[in-house]
Amino acid sequence: MSGAFMSAGDYVQAGRRRLEMISAVEGALRDVDILLCASAMDPPSPIDNPEEVERTYPRQARTPFNVTGHPALAMMSGLSSGGLPYRFSWSAATSANRRCFKSRGNGSARRGQTISIHP
């Protein structure tokens, strides 16, 4: 329902900004195989703490890839002091559907382990 209150002009402008974002991400991916970033802006919170979930859920960092349509993958990168999983996300160019990336859970390369990214 959030789009119900958006004007036609705002919708058109959002479409233009989306194209700019796609171009910027594709530009960044010309020099690298993957983009690696935090998956959230805050440490994880217990699912049974509704106030903390409500506060932190909107601060997840997956929105750019949802907007641009680039394939993205979130992986666990460690545990918080409370035993909850930290995550990072990585993304690749939309043309990378046949490319394989060598990675470990900590993001460093390891021979023999591949993860295929498909849009």
PDB file of N, CA and C in Angstrom:
ATOM      1  N   MET A   1       0.806  -1.200   0.000  1.00  0.00           N
ATOM      2  CA  MET A   1       0.000   0.000   0.000  1.00  0.00           C
ATOM      3  C   MET A   1       0.849   1.264   0.000  1.00  0.00           C
ATOM      4  N   SER A   2       2.154   1.142   0.278  1.00  0.00           N
ATOM      5  CA  SER A   2       2.974   2.338   0.390  1.00  0.00           C
ATOM      6  C   SER A   2       3.017   3.133  -0.919  1.00  0.00           C
ATOM      7  N   GLY A   3       2.880   2.469  -2.055  1.00  0.00           N
ATOM      8  CA  GLY A   3       2.898   3.174  -3.335  1.00  0.00           C
ATOM      9  C   GLY A   3       1.621   3.911  -3.649  1.00  0.00           C
ATOM     10  N   ALA A   4       0.572   3.672  -2.881  1.00  0.00           N
ATOM     11  CA  ALA A   4      -0.721   4.319  -3.135  1.00  0.00           C
ATOM     12  C   ALA A   4      -0.644   5.826  -2.952  1.00  0.00           C
ATOM     13  N   PHE A   5       0.309   6.292  -2.196  1.00  0.00           N
ATOM     14  CA  PHE A   5       0.416   7.718  -1.903  1.00  0.00           C
ATOM     15  C   PHE A   5       1.529   8.389  -2.683  1.00  0.00           C
ATOM     16  N   MET A   6       2.006   7.733  -3.726  1.00  0.00           N
ATOM     17  CA  MET A   6       3.070   8.279  -4.568  1.00  0.00           C
ATOM     18  C   MET A   6       2.450   8.916  -5.808  1.00  0.00           C
ATOM     19  N   SER A   7       2.924  10.102  -6.143  1.00  0.00           N
ATOM     20  CA  SER A   7       2.402  10.763  -7.340  1.00  0.00           C
ATOM     21  C   SER A   7       3.019  10.141  -8.591  1.00  0.00           C
ATOM     22  N   ALA A   8       2.411  10.395  -9.728  1.00  0.00           N
ATOM     23  CA  ALA A   8       2.943   9.888 -11.000  1.00  0.00           C
ATOM     24  C   ALA A   8       4.337  10.453 -11.256  1.00  0.00           C
ATOM     25  N   GLY A   9       4.533  11.716 -10.925  1.00  0.00           N
ATOM     26  CA  GLY A   9       5.848  12.340 -11.101  1.00  0.00           C
ATOM     27  C   GLY A   9       6.909  11.675 -10.241  1.00  0.00           C
ATOM     28  N   ASP A  10       6.555  11.362  -8.988  1.00  0.00           N
ATOM     29  CA  ASP A  10       7.492  10.668  -8.101  1.00  0.00           C
ATOM     30  C   ASP A  10       7.826   9.288  -8.646  1.00  0.00           C
ATOM     31  N   TYR A  11       6.824   8.604  -9.192  1.00  0.00           N
ATOM     32  CA  TYR A  11       7.028   7.267  -9.755  1.00  0.00           C
ATOM     33  C   TYR A  11       8.000   7.325 -10.942  1.00  0.00           C
ATOM     34  N   VAL A  12       7.803   8.299 -11.820  1.00  0.00           N
ATOM     35  CA  VAL A  12       8.690   8.458 -12.977  1.00  0.00           C
ATOM     36  C   VAL A  12      10.106   8.786 -12.513  1.00  0.00           C
ATOM     37  N   GLN A  13      10.226   9.674 -11.529  1.00  0.00           N
ATOM     38  CA  GLN A  13      11.551  10.039 -10.998  1.00  0.00           C
ATOM     39  C   GLN A  13      12.228   8.833 -10.344  1.00  0.00           C
ATOM     40  N   ALA A  14      11.461   8.005  -9.637  1.00  0.00           N
ATOM     41  CA  ALA A  14      12.026   6.799  -9.020  1.00  0.00           C
ATOM     42  C   ALA A  14      12.566   5.858 -10.099  1.00  0.00           C
ATOM     43  N   GLY A  15      11.851   5.731 -11.213  1.00  0.00           N
ATOM     44  CA  GLY A  15      12.333   4.903 -12.314  1.00  0.00           C
ATOM     45  C   GLY A  15      13.641   5.424 -12.889  1.00  0.00           C
ATOM     46  N   ARG A  16      13.771   6.739 -12.985  1.00  0.00           N
ATOM     47  CA  ARG A  16      15.020   7.341 -13.486  1.00  0.00           C
ATOM     48  C   ARG A  16      16.166   7.083 -12.508  1.00  0.00           C
ATOM     49  N   ARG A  17      15.893   7.251 -11.220  1.00  0.00           N
ATOM     50  CA  ARG A  17      16.924   7.022 -10.200  1.00  0.00           C
ATOM     51  C   ARG A  17      17.348   5.549 -10.188  1.00  0.00           C
ATOM     52  N   ARG A  18      16.395   4.647 -10.420  1.00  0.00           N
ATOM     53  CA  ARG A  18      16.708   3.213 -10.477  1.00  0.00           C
ATOM     54  C   ARG A  18      17.702   2.953 -11.606  1.00  0.00           C
ATOM     55  N   LEU A  19      17.478   3.557 -12.768  1.00  0.00           N
ATOM     56  CA  LEU A  19      18.409   3.387 -13.886  1.00  0.00           C
ATOM     57  C   LEU A  19      19.788   3.936 -13.540  1.00  0.00           C
ATOM     58  N   GLU A  20      19.838   5.052 -12.812  1.00  0.00           N
ATOM     59  CA  GLU A  20      21.124   5.608 -12.370  1.00  0.00           C
ATOM     60  C   GLU A  20      21.830   4.651 -11.420  1.00  0.00           C
ATOM     61  N   MET A  21      21.056   4.041 -10.505  1.00  0.00           N
ATOM     62  CA  MET A  21      21.643   3.082  -9.570  1.00  0.00           C
ATOM     63  C   MET A  21      22.195   1.865 -10.307  1.00  0.00           C
ATOM     64  N   ILE A  22      21.443   1.360 -11.280  1.00  0.00           N
ATOM     65  CA  ILE A  22      21.906   0.212 -12.067  1.00  0.00           C
ATOM     66  C   ILE A  22      23.216   0.557 -12.759  1.00  0.00           C
ATOM     67  N   SER A  23      23.278   1.726 -13.354  1.00  0.00           N
ATOM     68  CA  SER A  23      24.485   2.166 -14.057  1.00  0.00           C
ATOM     69  C   SER A  23      25.666   2.286 -13.093  1.00  0.00           C
ATOM     70  N   ALA A  24      25.427   2.815 -11.898  1.00  0.00           N
ATOM     71  CA  ALA A  24      26.499   2.975 -10.918  1.00  0.00           C
ATOM     72  C   ALA A  24      27.032   1.620 -10.457  1.00  0.00           C
ATOM     73  N   VAL A  25      26.147   0.671 -10.194  1.00  0.00           N
ATOM     74  CA  VAL A  25      26.586  -0.655  -9.757  1.00  0.00           C
ATOM     75  C   VAL A  25      27.323  -1.359 -10.889  1.00  0.00           C
ATOM     76  N   GLU A  26      26.799  -1.289 -12.095  1.00  0.00           N
ATOM     77  CA  GLU A  26      27.490  -1.897 -13.243  1.00  0.00           C
ATOM     78  C   GLU A  26      28.863  -1.252 -13.436  1.00  0.00           C
ATOM     79  N   GLY A  27      28.956   0.066 -13.235  1.00  0.00           N
ATOM     80  CA  GLY A  27      30.240   0.750 -13.344  1.00  0.00           C
ATOM     81  C   GLY A  27      31.242   0.244 -12.317  1.00  0.00           C
ATOM     82  N   ALA A  28      30.774   0.049 -11.091  1.00  0.00           N
ATOM     83  CA  ALA A  28      31.653  -0.473 -10.042  1.00  0.00           C
ATOM     84  C   ALA A  28      32.101  -1.892 -10.368  1.00  0.00           C
ATOM     85  N   LEU A  29      31.241  -2.673 -11.002  1.00  0.00           N
ATOM     86  CA  LEU A  29      31.552  -4.071 -11.313  1.00  0.00           C
ATOM     87  C   LEU A  29      32.421  -4.236 -12.557  1.00  0.00           C
ATOM     88  N   ARG A  30      32.729  -3.147 -13.254  1.00  0.00           N
ATOM     89  CA  ARG A  30      33.645  -3.251 -14.398  1.00  0.00           C
ATOM     90  C   ARG A  30      35.073  -3.569 -13.941  1.00  0.00           C
ATOM     91  N   ASP A  31      35.405  -3.141 -12.730  1.00  0.00           N
ATOM     92  CA  ASP A  31      36.771  -3.312 -12.232  1.00  0.00           C
ATOM     93  C   ASP A  31      36.929  -4.466 -11.248  1.00  0.00           C
ATOM     94  N   VAL A  32      35.830  -5.036 -10.775  1.00  0.00           N
ATOM     95  CA  VAL A  32      35.879  -6.124  -9.800  1.00  0.00           C
ATOM     96  C   VAL A  32      34.876  -7.202 -10.181  1.00  0.00           C
ATOM     97  N   ASP A  33      35.054  -8.411  -9.661  1.00  0.00           N
ATOM     98  CA  ASP A  33      34.126  -9.501  -9.946  1.00  0.00           C
ATOM     99  C   ASP A  33      32.887  -9.445  -9.062  1.00  0.00           C
ATOM    100  N   ILE A  34      33.078  -9.062  -7.801  1.00  0.00           N
ATOM    101  CA  ILE A  34      31.954  -9.017  -6.874  1.00  0.00           C
ATOM    102  C   ILE A  34      32.021  -7.762  -6.015  1.00  0.00           C
ATOM    103  N   LEU A  35      30.859  -7.354  -5.508  1.00  0.00           N
ATOM    104  CA  LEU A  35      30.777  -6.304  -4.494  1.00  0.00           C
ATOM    105  C   LEU A  35      30.455  -7.000  -3.181  1.00  0.00           C
ATOM    106  N   LEU A  36      31.182  -6.673  -2.141  1.00  0.00           N
ATOM    107  CA  LEU A  36      31.004  -7.281  -0.834  1.00  0.00           C
ATOM    108  C   LEU A  36      30.607  -6.185   0.141  1.00  0.00           C
ATOM    109  N   CYS A  37      29.527  -6.390   0.876  1.00  0.00           N
ATOM    110  CA  CYS A  37      29.078  -5.366   1.819  1.00  0.00           C
ATOM    111  C   CYS A  37      28.385  -6.010   3.011  1.00  0.00           C
ATOM    112  N   ALA A  38      28.202  -5.223   4.044  1.00  0.00           N
ATOM    113  CA  ALA A  38      27.454  -5.690   5.210  1.00  0.00           C
ATOM    114  C   ALA A  38      26.026  -5.997   4.781  1.00  0.00           C
ATOM    115  N   SER A  39      25.416  -6.966   5.423  1.00  0.00           N
ATOM    116  CA  SER A  39      24.037  -7.327   5.095  1.00  0.00           C
ATOM    117  C   SER A  39      23.040  -6.518   5.913  1.00  0.00           C
ATOM    118  N   ALA A  40      23.505  -5.901   6.996  1.00  0.00           N
ATOM    119  CA  ALA A  40      22.631  -5.100   7.858  1.00  0.00           C
ATOM    120  C   ALA A  40      23.442  -3.977   8.496  1.00  0.00           C
ATOM    121  N   MET A  41      22.757  -2.919   8.888  1.00  0.00           N
ATOM    122  CA  MET A  41      23.414  -1.770   9.504  1.00  0.00           C
ATOM    123  C   MET A  41      23.566  -1.931  11.015  1.00  0.00           C
ATOM    124  N   ASP A  42      22.929  -2.953  11.579  1.00  0.00           N
ATOM    125  CA  ASP A  42      22.944  -3.188  13.020  1.00  0.00           C
ATOM    126  C   ASP A  42      23.293  -4.636  13.303  1.00  0.00           C
ATOM    127  N   PRO A  43      23.810  -4.924  14.501  1.00  0.00           N
ATOM    128  CA  PRO A  43      24.005  -6.325  14.878  1.00  0.00           C
ATOM    129  C   PRO A  43      22.664  -7.053  14.894  1.00  0.00           C
ATOM    130  N   PRO A  44      22.678  -8.365  14.753  1.00  0.00           N
ATOM    131  CA  PRO A  44      21.416  -9.113  14.755  1.00  0.00           C
ATOM    132  C   PRO A  44      20.708  -9.010  16.103  1.00  0.00           C
ATOM    133  N   SER A  45      19.386  -9.128  16.063  1.00  0.00           N
ATOM    134  CA  SER A  45      18.594  -9.092  17.299  1.00  0.00           C
ATOM    135  C   SER A  45      17.774 -10.376  17.398  1.00  0.00           C
ATOM    136  N   PRO A  46      17.469 -10.784  18.618  1.00  0.00           N
ATOM    137  CA  PRO A  46      16.659 -11.994  18.778  1.00  0.00           C
ATOM    138  C   PRO A  46      15.278 -11.819  18.151  1.00  0.00           C
ATOM    139  N   ILE A  47      14.796 -12.840  17.493  1.00  0.00           N
ATOM    140  CA  ILE A  47      13.505 -12.784  16.806  1.00  0.00           C
ATOM    141  C   ILE A  47      12.354 -12.626  17.799  1.00  0.00           C
ATOM    142  N   ASP A  48      12.570 -13.015  19.060  1.00  0.00           N
ATOM    143  CA  ASP A  48      11.507 -12.901  20.050  1.00  0.00           C
ATOM    144  C   ASP A  48      11.506 -11.549  20.764  1.00  0.00           C
ATOM    145  N   ASN A  49      12.230 -10.579  20.222  1.00  0.00           N
ATOM    146  CA  ASN A  49      12.232  -9.210  20.743  1.00  0.00           C
ATOM    147  C   ASN A  49      11.610  -8.306  19.675  1.00  0.00           C
ATOM    148  N   PRO A  50      10.255  -8.211  19.648  1.00  0.00           N
ATOM    149  CA  PRO A  50       9.588  -7.510  18.546  1.00  0.00           C
ATOM    150  C   PRO A  50       9.980  -6.038  18.401  1.00  0.00           C
ATOM    151  N   GLU A  51      10.254  -5.357  19.501  1.00  0.00           N
ATOM    152  CA  GLU A  51      10.640  -3.942  19.418  1.00  0.00           C
ATOM    153  C   GLU A  51      11.982  -3.792  18.699  1.00  0.00           C
ATOM    154  N   GLU A  52      12.933  -4.656  19.033  1.00  0.00           N
ATOM    155  CA  GLU A  52      14.255  -4.577  18.400  1.00  0.00           C
ATOM    156  C   GLU A  52      14.187  -5.022  16.939  1.00  0.00           C
ATOM    157  N   VAL A  53      13.391  -6.026  16.644  1.00  0.00           N
ATOM    158  CA  VAL A  53      13.220  -6.462  15.256  1.00  0.00           C
ATOM    159  C   VAL A  53      12.595  -5.337  14.440  1.00  0.00           C
ATOM    160  N   GLU A  54      11.586  -4.675  14.981  1.00  0.00           N
ATOM    161  CA  GLU A  54      10.942  -3.571  14.269  1.00  0.00           C
ATOM    162  C   GLU A  54      11.914  -2.420  14.025  1.00  0.00           C
ATOM    163  N   ARG A  55      12.810  -2.181  14.976  1.00  0.00           N
ATOM    164  CA  ARG A  55      13.792  -1.103  14.824  1.00  0.00           C
ATOM    165  C   ARG A  55      14.856  -1.453  13.787  1.00  0.00           C
ATOM    166  N   THR A  56      15.335  -2.698  13.789  1.00  0.00           N
ATOM    167  CA  THR A  56      16.476  -3.047  12.937  1.00  0.00           C
ATOM    168  C   THR A  56      16.096  -3.580  11.559  1.00  0.00           C
ATOM    169  N   TYR A  57      14.926  -4.157  11.403  1.00  0.00           N
ATOM    170  CA  TYR A  57      14.555  -4.770  10.119  1.00  0.00           C
ATOM    171  C   TYR A  57      14.660  -3.800   8.936  1.00  0.00           C
ATOM    172  N   PRO A  58      14.148  -2.572   9.069  1.00  0.00           N
ATOM    173  CA  PRO A  58      14.263  -1.648   7.920  1.00  0.00           C
ATOM    174  C   PRO A  58      15.699  -1.222   7.614  1.00  0.00           C
ATOM    175  N   ARG A  59      16.637  -1.501   8.503  1.00  0.00           N
ATOM    176  CA  ARG A  59      18.020  -1.067   8.319  1.00  0.00           C
ATOM    177  C   ARG A  59      18.892  -2.163   7.700  1.00  0.00           C
ATOM    178  N   GLN A  60      18.271  -3.118   7.024  1.00  0.00           N
ATOM    179  CA  GLN A  60      19.039  -4.136   6.323  1.00  0.00           C
ATOM    180  C   GLN A  60      19.558  -3.554   5.010  1.00  0.00           C
ATOM    181  N   ALA A  61      20.668  -4.060   4.547  1.00  0.00           N
ATOM    182  CA  ALA A  61      21.364  -3.460   3.400  1.00  0.00           C
ATOM    183  C   ALA A  61      21.094  -4.184   2.088  1.00  0.00           C
ATOM    184  N   ARG A  62      19.979  -4.855   1.966  1.00  0.00           N
ATOM    185  CA  ARG A  62      19.709  -5.579   0.722  1.00  0.00           C
ATOM    186  C   ARG A  62      18.924  -4.749  -0.292  1.00  0.00           C
ATOM    187  N   THR A  63      18.389  -3.632   0.109  1.00  0.00           N
ATOM    188  CA  THR A  63      17.545  -2.822  -0.769  1.00  0.00           C
ATOM    189  C   THR A  63      18.226  -2.442  -2.086  1.00  0.00           C
ATOM    190  N   PRO A  64      19.494  -2.009  -2.099  1.00  0.00           N
ATOM    191  CA  PRO A  64      20.083  -1.626  -3.388  1.00  0.00           C
ATOM    192  C   PRO A  64      20.015  -2.735  -4.435  1.00  0.00           C
ATOM    193  N   PHE A  65      20.265  -3.973  -4.034  1.00  0.00           N
ATOM    194  CA  PHE A  65      20.246  -5.063  -5.003  1.00  0.00           C
ATOM    195  C   PHE A  65      18.817  -5.431  -5.393  1.00  0.00           C
ATOM    196  N   ASN A  66      17.870  -5.228  -4.494  1.00  0.00           N
ATOM    197  CA  ASN A  66      16.462  -5.425  -4.857  1.00  0.00           C
ATOM    198  C   ASN A  66      16.042  -4.398  -5.905  1.00  0.00           C
ATOM    199  N   VAL A  67      16.549  -3.184  -5.783  1.00  0.00           N
ATOM    200  CA  VAL A  67      16.189  -2.112  -6.717  1.00  0.00           C
ATOM    201  C   VAL A  67      16.869  -2.312  -8.067  1.00  0.00           C
ATOM    202  N   THR A  68      18.156  -2.678  -8.058  1.00  0.00           N
ATOM    203  CA  THR A  68      18.887  -2.781  -9.321  1.00  0.00           C
ATOM    204  C   THR A  68      18.677  -4.110 -10.032  1.00  0.00           C
ATOM    205  N   GLY A  69      18.249  -5.136  -9.303  1.00  0.00           N
ATOM    206  CA  GLY A  69      18.045  -6.442  -9.913  1.00  0.00           C
ATOM    207  C   GLY A  69      19.309  -7.271 -10.040  1.00  0.00           C
ATOM    208  N   HIS A  70      20.413  -6.809  -9.452  1.00  0.00           N
ATOM    209  CA  HIS A  70      21.643  -7.595  -9.497  1.00  0.00           C
ATOM    210  C   HIS A  70      21.506  -8.815  -8.592  1.00  0.00           C
ATOM    211  N   PRO A  71      22.080  -9.950  -9.014  1.00  0.00           N
ATOM    212  CA  PRO A  71      22.028 -11.136  -8.159  1.00  0.00           C
ATOM    213  C   PRO A  71      22.815 -10.867  -6.882  1.00  0.00           C
ATOM    214  N   ALA A  72      22.300 -11.327  -5.771  1.00  0.00           N
ATOM    215  CA  ALA A  72      22.975 -11.123  -4.491  1.00  0.00           C
ATOM    216  C   ALA A  72      22.835 -12.365  -3.640  1.00  0.00           C
ATOM    217  N   LEU A  73      23.795 -12.557  -2.770  1.00  0.00           N
ATOM    218  CA  LEU A  73      23.827 -13.705  -1.887  1.00  0.00           C
ATOM    219  C   LEU A  73      24.266 -13.223  -0.515  1.00  0.00           C
ATOM    220  N   ALA A  74      23.533 -13.596   0.532  1.00  0.00           N
ATOM    221  CA  ALA A  74      23.931 -13.281   1.907  1.00  0.00           C
ATOM    222  C   ALA A  74      24.507 -14.541   2.538  1.00  0.00           C
ATOM    223  N   MET A  75      25.615 -14.368   3.251  1.00  0.00           N
ATOM    224  CA  MET A  75      26.278 -15.501   3.905  1.00  0.00           C
ATOM    225  C   MET A  75      26.639 -15.120   5.327  1.00  0.00           C
ATOM    226  N   MET A  76      26.639 -16.111   6.205  1.00  0.00           N
ATOM    227  CA  MET A  76      27.060 -15.879   7.585  1.00  0.00           C
ATOM    228  C   MET A  76      28.554 -15.594   7.612  1.00  0.00           C
ATOM    229  N   SER A  77      28.939 -14.615   8.425  1.00  0.00           N
ATOM    230  CA  SER A  77      30.353 -14.258   8.507  1.00  0.00           C
ATOM    231  C   SER A  77      30.892 -14.365   9.925  1.00  0.00           C
ATOM    232  N   GLY A  78      30.078 -14.760  10.864  1.00  0.00           N
ATOM    233  CA  GLY A  78      30.519 -14.892  12.245  1.00  0.00           C
ATOM    234  C   GLY A  78      29.328 -14.819  13.177  1.00  0.00           C
ATOM    235  N   LEU A  79      29.626 -14.812  14.478  1.00  0.00           N
ATOM    236  CA  LEU A  79      28.571 -14.754  15.484  1.00  0.00           C
ATOM    237  C   LEU A  79      28.765 -13.546  16.387  1.00  0.00           C
ATOM    238  N   SER A  80      27.658 -12.937  16.781  1.00  0.00           N
ATOM    239  CA  SER A  80      27.706 -11.827  17.731  1.00  0.00           C
ATOM    240  C   SER A  80      28.012 -12.382  19.122  1.00  0.00           C
ATOM    241  N   SER A  81      28.271 -11.494  20.078  1.00  0.00           N
ATOM    242  CA  SER A  81      28.538 -11.949  21.449  1.00  0.00           C
ATOM    243  C   SER A  81      27.340 -12.701  22.020  1.00  0.00           C
ATOM    244  N   GLY A  82      26.145 -12.446  21.492  1.00  0.00           N
ATOM    245  CA  GLY A  82      24.943 -13.159  21.922  1.00  0.00           C
ATOM    246  C   GLY A  82      24.696 -14.446  21.155  1.00  0.00           C
ATOM    247  N   GLY A  83      25.616 -14.807  20.261  1.00  0.00           N
ATOM    248  CA  GLY A  83      25.489 -16.051  19.509  1.00  0.00           C
ATOM    249  C   GLY A  83      24.615 -15.952  18.272  1.00  0.00           C
ATOM    250  N   LEU A  84      24.273 -14.737  17.846  1.00  0.00           N
ATOM    251  CA  LEU A  84      23.443 -14.554  16.650  1.00  0.00           C
ATOM    252  C   LEU A  84      24.336 -14.309  15.434  1.00  0.00           C
ATOM    253  N   PRO A  85      23.889 -14.725  14.261  1.00  0.00           N
ATOM    254  CA  PRO A  85      24.763 -14.665  13.079  1.00  0.00           C
ATOM    255  C   PRO A  85      24.910 -13.265  12.487  1.00  0.00           C
ATOM    256  N   TYR A  86      26.170 -12.871  12.255  1.00  0.00           N
ATOM    257  CA  TYR A  86      26.456 -11.709  11.422  1.00  0.00           C
ATOM    258  C   TYR A  86      26.451 -12.192   9.982  1.00  0.00           C
ATOM    259  N   ARG A  87      26.057 -11.314   9.052  1.00  0.00           N
ATOM    260  CA  ARG A  87      26.017 -11.696   7.649  1.00  0.00           C
ATOM    261  C   ARG A  87      26.685 -10.627   6.790  1.00  0.00           C
ATOM    262  N   PHE A  88      27.191 -11.050   5.660  1.00  0.00           N
ATOM    263  CA  PHE A  88      27.616 -10.113   4.632  1.00  0.00           C
ATOM    264  C   PHE A  88      26.905 -10.495   3.350  1.00  0.00           C
ATOM    265  N   SER A  89      26.799  -9.561   2.445  1.00  0.00           N
ATOM    266  CA  SER A  89      26.175  -9.809   1.146  1.00  0.00           C
ATOM    267  C   SER A  89      27.207  -9.582   0.066  1.00  0.00           C
ATOM    268  N   TRP A  90      27.078 -10.320  -0.992  1.00  0.00           N
ATOM    269  CA  TRP A  90      27.889 -10.042  -2.166  1.00  0.00           C
ATOM    270  C   TRP A  90      27.004 -10.079  -3.386  1.00  0.00           C
ATOM    271  N   SER A  91      27.400  -9.308  -4.370  1.00  0.00           N
ATOM    272  CA  SER A  91      26.633  -9.190  -5.590  1.00  0.00           C
ATOM    273  C   SER A  91      27.585  -9.196  -6.774  1.00  0.00           C
ATOM    274  N   ALA A  92      27.038  -9.561  -7.916  1.00  0.00           N
ATOM    275  CA  ALA A  92      27.828  -9.624  -9.142  1.00  0.00           C
ATOM    276  C   ALA A  92      27.063  -8.945 -10.268  1.00  0.00           C
ATOM    277  N   ALA A  93      27.738  -8.749 -11.371  1.00  0.00           N
ATOM    278  CA  ALA A  93      27.081  -8.163 -12.539  1.00  0.00           C
ATOM    279  C   ALA A  93      25.959  -9.073 -13.014  1.00  0.00           C
ATOM    280  N   THR A  94      24.920  -8.506 -13.582  1.00  0.00           N
ATOM    281  CA  THR A  94      23.800  -9.317 -14.061  1.00  0.00           C
ATOM    282  C   THR A  94      24.242 -10.262 -15.169  1.00  0.00           C
ATOM    283  N   SER A  95      25.344  -9.976 -15.831  1.00  0.00           N
ATOM    284  CA  SER A  95      25.858 -10.850 -16.876  1.00  0.00           C
ATOM    285  C   SER A  95      26.710 -11.982 -16.315  1.00  0.00           C
ATOM    286  N   ALA A  96      26.825 -12.089 -14.999  1.00  0.00           N
ATOM    287  CA  ALA A  96      27.711 -13.072 -14.371  1.00  0.00           C
ATOM    288  C   ALA A  96      27.007 -14.383 -14.058  1.00  0.00           C
ATOM    289  N   ASN A  97      25.886 -14.651 -14.706  1.00  0.00           N
ATOM    290  CA  ASN A  97      25.137 -15.850 -14.339  1.00  0.00           C
ATOM    291  C   ASN A  97      25.892 -17.150 -14.593  1.00  0.00           C
ATOM    292  N   ARG A  98      26.913 -17.142 -15.409  1.00  0.00           N
ATOM    293  CA  ARG A  98      27.697 -18.359 -15.649  1.00  0.00           C
ATOM    294  C   ARG A  98      29.036 -18.321 -14.912  1.00  0.00           C
ATOM    295  N   ARG A  99      29.289 -17.235 -14.216  1.00  0.00           N
ATOM    296  CA  ARG A  99      30.545 -17.087 -13.495  1.00  0.00           C
ATOM    297  C   ARG A  99      30.473 -17.795 -12.146  1.00  0.00           C
ATOM    298  N   CYS A 100      31.548 -18.372 -11.720  1.00  0.00           N
ATOM    299  CA  CYS A 100      31.601 -18.983 -10.386  1.00  0.00           C
ATOM    300  C   CYS A 100      32.609 -18.219  -9.553  1.00  0.00           C
ATOM    301  N   PHE A 101      32.306 -18.057  -8.296  1.00  0.00           N
ATOM    302  CA  PHE A 101      33.206 -17.365  -7.385  1.00  0.00           C
ATOM    303  C   PHE A 101      33.747 -18.366  -6.384  1.00  0.00           C
ATOM    304  N   LYS A 102      35.027 -18.275  -6.118  1.00  0.00           N
ATOM    305  CA  LYS A 102      35.641 -19.139  -5.122  1.00  0.00           C
ATOM    306  C   LYS A 102      35.605 -18.385  -3.801  1.00  0.00           C
ATOM    307  N   SER A 103      35.056 -19.042  -2.780  1.00  0.00           N
ATOM    308  CA  SER A 103      34.916 -18.345  -1.523  1.00  0.00           C
ATOM    309  C   SER A 103      34.790 -19.304  -0.361  1.00  0.00           C
ATOM    310  N   ARG A 104      35.139 -18.824   0.784  1.00  0.00           N
ATOM    311  CA  ARG A 104      34.840 -19.469   2.052  1.00  0.00           C
ATOM    312  C   ARG A 104      33.818 -18.597   2.747  1.00  0.00           C
ATOM    313  N   GLY A 105      33.277 -19.070   3.824  1.00  0.00           N
ATOM    314  CA  GLY A 105      32.302 -18.300   4.588  1.00  0.00           C
ATOM    315  C   GLY A 105      32.841 -16.961   5.060  1.00  0.00           C
ATOM    316  N   ASN A 106      34.169 -16.828   5.204  1.00  0.00           N
ATOM    317  CA  ASN A 106      34.726 -15.563   5.669  1.00  0.00           C
ATOM    318  C   ASN A 106      35.068 -14.629   4.507  1.00  0.00           C
ATOM    319  N   GLY A 107      34.752 -15.016   3.282  1.00  0.00           N
ATOM    320  CA  GLY A 107      34.954 -14.145   2.136  1.00  0.00           C
ATOM    321  C   GLY A 107      36.312 -14.270   1.470  1.00  0.00           C
ATOM    322  N   SER A 108      37.218 -15.109   1.992  1.00  0.00           N
ATOM    323  CA  SER A 108      38.519 -15.244   1.349  1.00  0.00           C
ATOM    324  C   SER A 108      38.507 -16.436   0.398  1.00  0.00           C
ATOM    325  N   ALA A 109      39.341 -16.382  -0.613  1.00  0.00           N
ATOM    326  CA  ALA A 109      39.350 -17.425  -1.642  1.00  0.00           C
ATOM    327  C   ALA A 109      39.908 -18.728  -1.105  1.00  0.00           C
ATOM    328  N   ARG A 110      39.360 -19.824  -1.590  1.00  0.00           N
ATOM    329  CA  ARG A 110      39.861 -21.151  -1.261  1.00  0.00           C
ATOM    330  C   ARG A 110      39.725 -22.017  -2.499  1.00  0.00           C
ATOM    331  N   ARG A 111      40.754 -22.703  -2.847  1.00  0.00           N
ATOM    332  CA  ARG A 111      40.739 -23.551  -4.033  1.00  0.00           C
ATOM    333  C   ARG A 111      39.715 -24.671  -3.882  1.00  0.00           C
ATOM    334  N   GLY A 112      38.930 -24.890  -4.933  1.00  0.00           N
ATOM    335  CA  GLY A 112      38.041 -26.031  -4.960  1.00  0.00           C
ATOM    336  C   GLY A 112      36.607 -25.778  -4.540  1.00  0.00           C
ATOM    337  N   GLN A 113      36.320 -24.702  -3.854  1.00  0.00           N
ATOM    338  CA  GLN A 113      34.943 -24.433  -3.444  1.00  0.00           C
ATOM    339  C   GLN A 113      34.398 -23.317  -4.332  1.00  0.00           C
ATOM    340  N   THR A 114      33.301 -23.571  -5.019  1.00  0.00           N
ATOM    341  CA  THR A 114      32.704 -22.559  -5.883  1.00  0.00           C
ATOM    342  C   THR A 114      31.250 -22.366  -5.533  1.00  0.00           C
ATOM    343  N   ILE A 115      30.794 -21.161  -5.749  1.00  0.00           N
ATOM    344  CA  ILE A 115      29.387 -20.822  -5.545  1.00  0.00           C
ATOM    345  C   ILE A 115      28.938 -20.110  -6.814  1.00  0.00           C
ATOM    346  N   SER A 116      27.946 -20.647  -7.483  1.00  0.00           N
ATOM    347  CA  SER A 116      27.432 -20.003  -8.689  1.00  0.00           C
ATOM    348  C   SER A 116      26.386 -18.982  -8.310  1.00  0.00           C
ATOM    349  N   ILE A 117      26.437 -17.836  -8.916  1.00  0.00           N
ATOM    350  CA  ILE A 117      25.466 -16.767  -8.682  1.00  0.00           C
ATOM    351  C   ILE A 117      24.588 -16.676  -9.924  1.00  0.00           C
ATOM    352  N   HIS A 118      23.318 -16.808  -9.770  1.00  0.00           N
ATOM    353  CA  HIS A 118      22.380 -16.729 -10.890  1.00  0.00           C
ATOM    354  C   HIS A 118      21.351 -15.639 -10.611  1.00  0.00           C
ATOM    355  N   PRO A 119      21.076 -14.769 -11.578  1.00  0.00           N
ATOM    356  CA  PRO A 119      20.074 -13.730 -11.357  1.00  0.00           C
ATOM    357  C   PRO A 119      18.668 -14.323 -11.295  1.00  0.00           C
TER     358      PRO A 119
END
